[in-house]
N, C-alpha and C. Protein backbone atom coordinates (compact mmCIF):
# COMPACT_ATOMS: atom_id res chain seq x y z
N GLN A 1 -177.94 104.81 -56.73
CA GLN A 1 -178.54 103.76 -57.23
C GLN A 1 -180.21 103.79 -57.01
N VAL A 2 -180.93 103.52 -58.26
CA VAL A 2 -182.30 103.91 -58.39
C VAL A 2 -182.91 102.57 -57.38
N PRO A 3 -183.82 102.87 -56.69
CA PRO A 3 -184.34 101.93 -55.75
C PRO A 3 -185.30 100.88 -56.47
N LEU A 4 -186.05 101.28 -57.44
CA LEU A 4 -186.96 100.70 -57.81
C LEU A 4 -186.93 100.81 -59.60
N VAL A 5 -186.63 99.79 -60.29
CA VAL A 5 -186.57 99.93 -61.76
C VAL A 5 -187.41 98.73 -62.39
N GLU A 6 -188.41 99.17 -63.11
CA GLU A 6 -189.30 98.19 -63.83
C GLU A 6 -188.94 97.78 -65.19
N SER A 7 -189.41 96.74 -65.73
CA SER A 7 -189.02 96.26 -66.85
C SER A 7 -189.94 95.26 -67.34
N GLY A 8 -190.08 94.82 -68.63
CA GLY A 8 -190.96 93.84 -69.21
C GLY A 8 -192.16 94.21 -69.83
N GLY A 9 -192.22 95.59 -69.98
CA GLY A 9 -193.37 96.22 -70.65
C GLY A 9 -193.41 95.83 -72.11
N GLY A 10 -194.39 96.41 -72.72
CA GLY A 10 -194.33 96.15 -74.24
C GLY A 10 -195.64 96.15 -74.96
N SER A 11 -195.76 95.74 -76.10
CA SER A 11 -196.97 95.81 -77.13
C SER A 11 -197.36 94.12 -77.09
N VAL A 12 -198.74 94.13 -76.94
CA VAL A 12 -199.13 92.80 -76.89
C VAL A 12 -200.49 92.62 -77.50
N GLN A 13 -200.98 91.67 -78.14
CA GLN A 13 -202.36 91.55 -78.63
C GLN A 13 -203.48 91.22 -77.67
N ALA A 14 -204.68 91.55 -77.58
CA ALA A 14 -205.55 91.13 -76.75
C ALA A 14 -205.64 89.64 -76.46
N GLY A 15 -205.64 89.29 -75.24
CA GLY A 15 -205.62 87.86 -74.90
C GLY A 15 -204.14 87.26 -74.55
N GLY A 16 -203.13 87.92 -74.77
CA GLY A 16 -201.97 87.83 -74.58
C GLY A 16 -201.41 88.01 -73.25
N SER A 17 -199.98 87.69 -73.01
CA SER A 17 -199.54 87.78 -71.55
C SER A 17 -198.31 88.58 -71.69
N LEU A 18 -198.01 89.05 -70.41
CA LEU A 18 -196.70 89.82 -70.33
C LEU A 18 -196.26 89.65 -68.95
N ARG A 19 -194.93 89.61 -68.63
CA ARG A 19 -194.61 89.58 -67.09
C ARG A 19 -193.74 90.72 -66.85
N LEU A 20 -194.28 91.66 -66.10
CA LEU A 20 -193.53 92.70 -65.53
C LEU A 20 -192.52 92.31 -64.34
N SER A 21 -191.22 92.89 -64.30
CA SER A 21 -190.41 93.03 -63.40
C SER A 21 -189.97 94.21 -62.67
N CYS A 22 -189.72 94.19 -61.42
CA CYS A 22 -189.26 95.37 -60.55
C CYS A 22 -188.01 95.03 -59.75
N ALA A 23 -187.00 95.52 -60.27
CA ALA A 23 -185.69 95.24 -59.44
C ALA A 23 -185.76 96.18 -58.24
N VAL A 24 -185.53 95.67 -56.98
CA VAL A 24 -185.78 96.25 -55.88
C VAL A 24 -184.31 96.56 -55.16
N SER A 25 -184.16 97.64 -54.66
CA SER A 25 -182.84 97.98 -53.98
C SER A 25 -182.96 98.94 -52.79
N VAL A 26 -184.27 98.89 -52.19
CA VAL A 26 -184.56 99.52 -51.08
C VAL A 26 -184.65 98.30 -50.13
N TYR A 27 -184.82 98.79 -48.86
CA TYR A 27 -184.89 97.86 -47.60
C TYR A 27 -186.09 96.90 -47.91
N SER A 28 -185.82 95.65 -47.74
CA SER A 28 -186.75 94.58 -48.22
C SER A 28 -187.81 94.44 -47.32
N ASN A 29 -187.98 94.85 -46.14
CA ASN A 29 -189.13 94.55 -45.30
C ASN A 29 -190.09 95.70 -45.47
N LEU A 30 -190.55 95.71 -46.76
CA LEU A 30 -191.51 96.80 -47.20
C LEU A 30 -192.69 96.12 -47.81
N CYS A 31 -193.71 96.71 -47.96
CA CYS A 31 -194.94 96.06 -48.79
C CYS A 31 -194.46 96.54 -50.08
N MET A 32 -195.18 95.84 -51.07
CA MET A 32 -194.86 96.41 -52.45
C MET A 32 -196.15 96.44 -53.31
N GLY A 33 -196.26 97.00 -54.34
CA GLY A 33 -197.38 97.28 -55.15
C GLY A 33 -197.17 97.39 -56.57
N TRP A 34 -198.15 97.31 -57.26
CA TRP A 34 -198.18 97.74 -58.83
C TRP A 34 -199.27 98.60 -58.93
N PHE A 35 -198.96 99.67 -59.77
CA PHE A 35 -200.10 100.80 -59.84
C PHE A 35 -199.99 101.01 -61.51
N ARG A 36 -201.08 101.44 -61.99
CA ARG A 36 -200.98 101.83 -63.42
C ARG A 36 -201.75 103.07 -63.60
N GLN A 37 -201.27 103.76 -64.83
CA GLN A 37 -202.02 104.97 -65.13
C GLN A 37 -202.09 105.05 -66.45
N ALA A 38 -203.37 105.22 -67.12
CA ALA A 38 -203.74 105.14 -68.45
C ALA A 38 -203.74 106.79 -68.79
N PRO A 39 -203.71 106.97 -70.08
CA PRO A 39 -203.79 108.38 -70.49
C PRO A 39 -205.03 109.08 -70.19
N GLY A 40 -204.94 110.26 -69.61
CA GLY A 40 -206.08 110.95 -69.17
C GLY A 40 -207.21 110.42 -67.98
N LYS A 41 -206.39 109.46 -67.14
CA LYS A 41 -206.86 108.80 -66.18
C LYS A 41 -206.10 108.82 -64.88
N LYS A 42 -206.48 108.69 -63.65
CA LYS A 42 -205.99 108.69 -62.60
C LYS A 42 -205.27 107.46 -62.32
N ARG A 43 -203.85 107.62 -61.59
CA ARG A 43 -203.36 106.44 -61.23
C ARG A 43 -204.03 105.49 -60.40
N GLU A 44 -204.02 104.27 -60.62
CA GLU A 44 -205.07 103.10 -59.85
C GLU A 44 -203.97 102.04 -59.31
N GLY A 45 -204.44 101.30 -58.20
CA GLY A 45 -203.64 100.55 -57.81
C GLY A 45 -204.19 98.97 -58.57
N VAL A 46 -203.23 98.17 -58.83
CA VAL A 46 -203.39 96.87 -59.57
C VAL A 46 -203.30 95.75 -58.54
N ALA A 47 -202.04 95.76 -57.98
CA ALA A 47 -201.98 94.64 -57.10
C ALA A 47 -200.99 94.85 -56.17
N ALA A 48 -201.22 94.36 -54.93
CA ALA A 48 -200.01 94.43 -53.74
C ALA A 48 -199.75 93.22 -53.09
N ILE A 49 -198.53 93.28 -52.36
CA ILE A 49 -198.33 92.07 -51.62
C ILE A 49 -197.78 92.43 -50.39
N ASP A 50 -198.07 91.95 -49.09
CA ASP A 50 -197.62 92.35 -47.85
C ASP A 50 -196.31 91.62 -47.66
N THR A 51 -195.75 92.01 -46.49
CA THR A 51 -194.41 91.42 -46.11
C THR A 51 -194.72 89.76 -45.79
N ASP A 52 -195.82 89.62 -45.23
CA ASP A 52 -196.25 88.11 -44.83
C ASP A 52 -196.57 87.29 -46.27
N GLY A 53 -196.44 87.86 -47.39
CA GLY A 53 -197.00 87.29 -48.71
C GLY A 53 -198.43 87.46 -48.95
N SER A 54 -199.22 88.04 -48.33
CA SER A 54 -200.86 88.14 -48.61
C SER A 54 -200.84 89.17 -49.83
N THR A 55 -201.72 88.95 -50.68
CA THR A 55 -201.97 89.72 -51.72
C THR A 55 -203.26 90.09 -51.90
N SER A 56 -203.49 91.42 -52.71
CA SER A 56 -204.41 92.00 -53.02
C SER A 56 -204.62 92.54 -54.43
N TYR A 57 -205.83 92.42 -54.90
CA TYR A 57 -205.89 92.83 -56.26
C TYR A 57 -206.98 93.80 -56.51
N ALA A 58 -206.97 94.72 -57.68
CA ALA A 58 -208.09 95.43 -58.17
C ALA A 58 -209.22 94.56 -58.91
N ASP A 59 -210.55 94.66 -58.67
CA ASP A 59 -211.50 93.90 -59.07
C ASP A 59 -211.12 93.70 -60.72
N SER A 60 -210.66 94.59 -61.20
CA SER A 60 -210.56 94.48 -62.76
C SER A 60 -209.42 93.56 -63.37
N VAL A 61 -208.51 93.24 -62.45
CA VAL A 61 -207.43 92.44 -62.60
C VAL A 61 -207.63 90.91 -62.11
N LYS A 62 -208.49 90.68 -61.05
CA LYS A 62 -208.60 89.41 -60.43
C LYS A 62 -208.75 88.43 -61.37
N GLY A 63 -208.01 87.38 -61.04
CA GLY A 63 -208.07 86.31 -62.00
C GLY A 63 -207.42 86.12 -63.10
N ARG A 64 -206.84 87.26 -63.39
CA ARG A 64 -205.86 87.53 -64.67
C ARG A 64 -204.42 87.84 -64.42
N PHE A 65 -204.31 88.59 -63.16
CA PHE A 65 -202.67 89.21 -62.90
C PHE A 65 -202.43 88.33 -61.53
N THR A 66 -201.09 88.10 -61.40
CA THR A 66 -200.56 87.68 -60.39
C THR A 66 -199.18 88.21 -59.80
N ILE A 67 -199.48 88.99 -58.60
CA ILE A 67 -198.16 89.68 -58.21
C ILE A 67 -197.38 88.66 -57.20
N SER A 68 -196.10 88.63 -57.55
CA SER A 68 -195.16 87.75 -56.45
C SER A 68 -193.79 88.47 -56.49
N LYS A 69 -192.98 87.75 -55.64
CA LYS A 69 -191.65 88.28 -55.46
C LYS A 69 -190.81 87.35 -55.18
N ASP A 70 -189.43 87.32 -55.52
CA ASP A 70 -188.58 86.13 -55.13
C ASP A 70 -188.22 86.19 -53.80
N ASN A 71 -187.54 85.02 -53.31
CA ASN A 71 -187.24 84.54 -51.85
C ASN A 71 -186.41 85.80 -51.42
N ALA A 72 -185.49 86.53 -52.21
CA ALA A 72 -184.62 87.54 -51.58
C ALA A 72 -185.26 88.65 -51.64
N GLY A 73 -186.38 88.96 -52.24
CA GLY A 73 -187.07 90.40 -52.02
C GLY A 73 -186.29 91.31 -52.99
N THR A 74 -185.68 90.90 -53.68
CA THR A 74 -185.00 91.68 -54.65
C THR A 74 -185.68 91.94 -56.12
N THR A 75 -186.86 91.19 -56.34
CA THR A 75 -187.39 91.39 -57.57
C THR A 75 -188.88 91.07 -57.33
N LEU A 76 -189.73 91.92 -57.69
CA LEU A 76 -191.12 91.95 -57.81
C LEU A 76 -191.71 91.58 -58.94
N TYR A 77 -192.70 90.65 -59.27
CA TYR A 77 -193.22 90.43 -60.53
C TYR A 77 -194.58 90.92 -60.65
N LEU A 78 -195.07 91.07 -61.84
CA LEU A 78 -196.56 91.02 -62.05
C LEU A 78 -196.84 90.21 -63.35
N GLN A 79 -197.49 89.18 -63.26
CA GLN A 79 -197.84 88.21 -64.48
C GLN A 79 -199.04 88.63 -64.98
N MET A 80 -199.37 88.96 -66.10
CA MET A 80 -200.42 89.62 -66.54
C MET A 80 -200.97 88.56 -67.74
N SER A 81 -201.97 87.93 -67.64
CA SER A 81 -202.56 87.25 -68.62
C SER A 81 -203.90 87.61 -69.02
N SER A 82 -204.50 87.27 -70.11
CA SER A 82 -205.81 87.48 -70.72
C SER A 82 -205.77 89.14 -71.01
N LEU A 83 -204.84 89.62 -71.38
CA LEU A 83 -204.85 91.08 -71.51
C LEU A 83 -206.00 91.69 -72.34
N LYS A 84 -206.33 92.70 -71.96
CA LYS A 84 -207.44 93.50 -72.49
C LYS A 84 -206.96 94.85 -72.79
N PRO A 85 -207.52 95.36 -73.86
CA PRO A 85 -207.07 96.88 -74.38
C PRO A 85 -207.15 97.89 -73.18
N GLU A 86 -208.02 97.67 -72.37
CA GLU A 86 -208.13 98.50 -71.24
C GLU A 86 -207.08 98.37 -70.22
N ASP A 87 -206.28 97.45 -70.24
CA ASP A 87 -205.01 97.48 -69.40
C ASP A 87 -204.02 98.16 -70.04
N THR A 88 -204.15 98.88 -71.06
CA THR A 88 -203.17 99.74 -71.64
C THR A 88 -202.95 100.81 -70.74
N ALA A 89 -201.71 101.01 -70.17
CA ALA A 89 -201.20 102.07 -69.20
C ALA A 89 -199.83 102.04 -69.01
N MET A 90 -199.46 102.91 -68.40
CA MET A 90 -197.88 102.85 -67.80
C MET A 90 -198.11 102.28 -66.25
N TYR A 91 -197.18 101.04 -66.28
CA TYR A 91 -197.45 100.49 -65.05
C TYR A 91 -195.95 100.77 -64.13
N TYR A 92 -196.29 100.94 -62.71
CA TYR A 92 -195.29 101.48 -61.87
C TYR A 92 -195.16 100.50 -60.65
N CYS A 93 -193.99 100.06 -60.16
CA CYS A 93 -194.02 99.48 -58.91
C CYS A 93 -193.79 100.40 -57.81
N ALA A 94 -193.89 100.22 -56.74
CA ALA A 94 -194.21 101.11 -55.51
C ALA A 94 -193.73 100.07 -54.16
N ALA A 95 -192.89 100.96 -53.25
CA ALA A 95 -192.80 100.40 -51.97
C ALA A 95 -193.28 101.00 -50.82
N GLY A 96 -193.52 100.48 -49.80
CA GLY A 96 -193.87 101.43 -48.72
C GLY A 96 -194.64 100.68 -47.49
N ARG A 97 -195.31 101.26 -46.60
CA ARG A 97 -196.07 100.83 -45.73
C ARG A 97 -197.09 99.78 -46.23
N CYS A 98 -197.55 98.91 -45.33
CA CYS A 98 -198.59 97.93 -45.77
C CYS A 98 -200.01 98.53 -45.96
N GLY A 99 -200.50 98.85 -46.84
CA GLY A 99 -202.05 99.26 -46.94
C GLY A 99 -202.54 98.95 -48.27
N GLY A 100 -202.37 97.89 -48.76
CA GLY A 100 -203.03 97.23 -49.79
C GLY A 100 -202.76 98.02 -51.19
N LEU A 101 -203.99 98.36 -51.61
CA LEU A 101 -203.89 99.44 -52.92
C LEU A 101 -203.91 100.92 -52.52
N ARG A 102 -203.60 101.37 -51.40
CA ARG A 102 -203.85 102.51 -51.06
C ARG A 102 -202.59 103.39 -51.47
N GLN A 103 -202.50 104.31 -52.36
CA GLN A 103 -201.32 105.09 -52.88
C GLN A 103 -200.63 105.68 -51.64
N SER A 104 -201.26 106.41 -50.93
CA SER A 104 -200.78 107.21 -50.09
C SER A 104 -199.71 106.35 -48.87
N GLU A 105 -199.85 105.08 -49.03
CA GLU A 105 -198.99 104.09 -48.21
C GLU A 105 -197.74 103.94 -49.01
N TYR A 106 -197.55 104.27 -49.89
CA TYR A 106 -196.42 104.06 -50.88
C TYR A 106 -195.43 105.28 -51.08
N ASN A 107 -194.12 105.22 -50.64
CA ASN A 107 -193.49 106.55 -50.82
C ASN A 107 -192.15 106.34 -51.79
N VAL A 108 -192.04 105.27 -52.34
CA VAL A 108 -190.90 104.89 -53.06
C VAL A 108 -191.53 104.26 -54.30
N TRP A 109 -191.10 105.31 -55.61
CA TRP A 109 -191.82 104.74 -56.87
C TRP A 109 -190.82 104.71 -57.99
N GLY A 110 -191.14 103.57 -58.87
CA GLY A 110 -190.30 103.38 -59.99
C GLY A 110 -190.60 104.28 -61.00
N GLN A 111 -190.01 104.40 -62.15
CA GLN A 111 -190.16 105.39 -63.33
C GLN A 111 -191.22 104.75 -64.02
N GLY A 112 -191.67 103.58 -64.20
CA GLY A 112 -192.69 102.94 -65.17
C GLY A 112 -192.44 102.28 -66.30
N THR A 113 -193.06 101.28 -66.56
CA THR A 113 -193.01 100.65 -67.91
C THR A 113 -194.32 100.51 -68.57
N GLN A 114 -194.20 100.87 -70.09
CA GLN A 114 -195.47 101.14 -70.66
C GLN A 114 -196.05 99.52 -71.30
N VAL A 115 -197.23 99.29 -70.94
CA VAL A 115 -197.89 98.40 -71.43
C VAL A 115 -198.87 98.69 -72.47
N THR A 116 -199.07 98.18 -73.67
CA THR A 116 -200.00 98.49 -74.60
C THR A 116 -200.51 97.31 -75.34
N VAL A 117 -201.82 97.23 -75.21
CA VAL A 117 -202.65 96.10 -75.76
C VAL A 117 -203.41 96.46 -76.71
N SER A 118 -203.40 95.85 -77.95
CA SER A 118 -204.40 96.07 -79.09
C SER A 118 -205.24 95.11 -79.10
N SER A 119 -206.31 95.70 -79.76
CA SER A 119 -207.59 94.67 -79.89
C SER A 119 -207.42 93.85 -81.45
C-alpha cells in the first residue's frame, strides 16, 4: 500500500483555483507538508501542518493557499486560490517529524501531482 497518494492536479488559468488531496496511509501522528518542484528549480516547501494543527506557509503562497487535513488524519488538502503561472510545478505531499518547511524533516513522500497555470 502506497503511504501517500496525491490527486487533484491539473491545468487552470491564472486567477483560478485548485484543491489538491493526499490520501494518507502512514501513522497518523506525523507532521504533513506540501512541497513543489518546477522544471529546472529545486524543490521548495509550500505549506506544512503540525500535529497540533498549527500551519506554516512559504511567503510566496501566504494568503492564497490553505493547508488542512480531515479529522481522521487520512486526507491532507491544499486549497490553492489566485493561482499564478509561477505556481506551475509538480506538487508533492510528505510526512515526517515536525519541522515546518524543512525538507530534511520529511521521510515519506508521495509521487506528485502536476499543476499547470497558464497566463
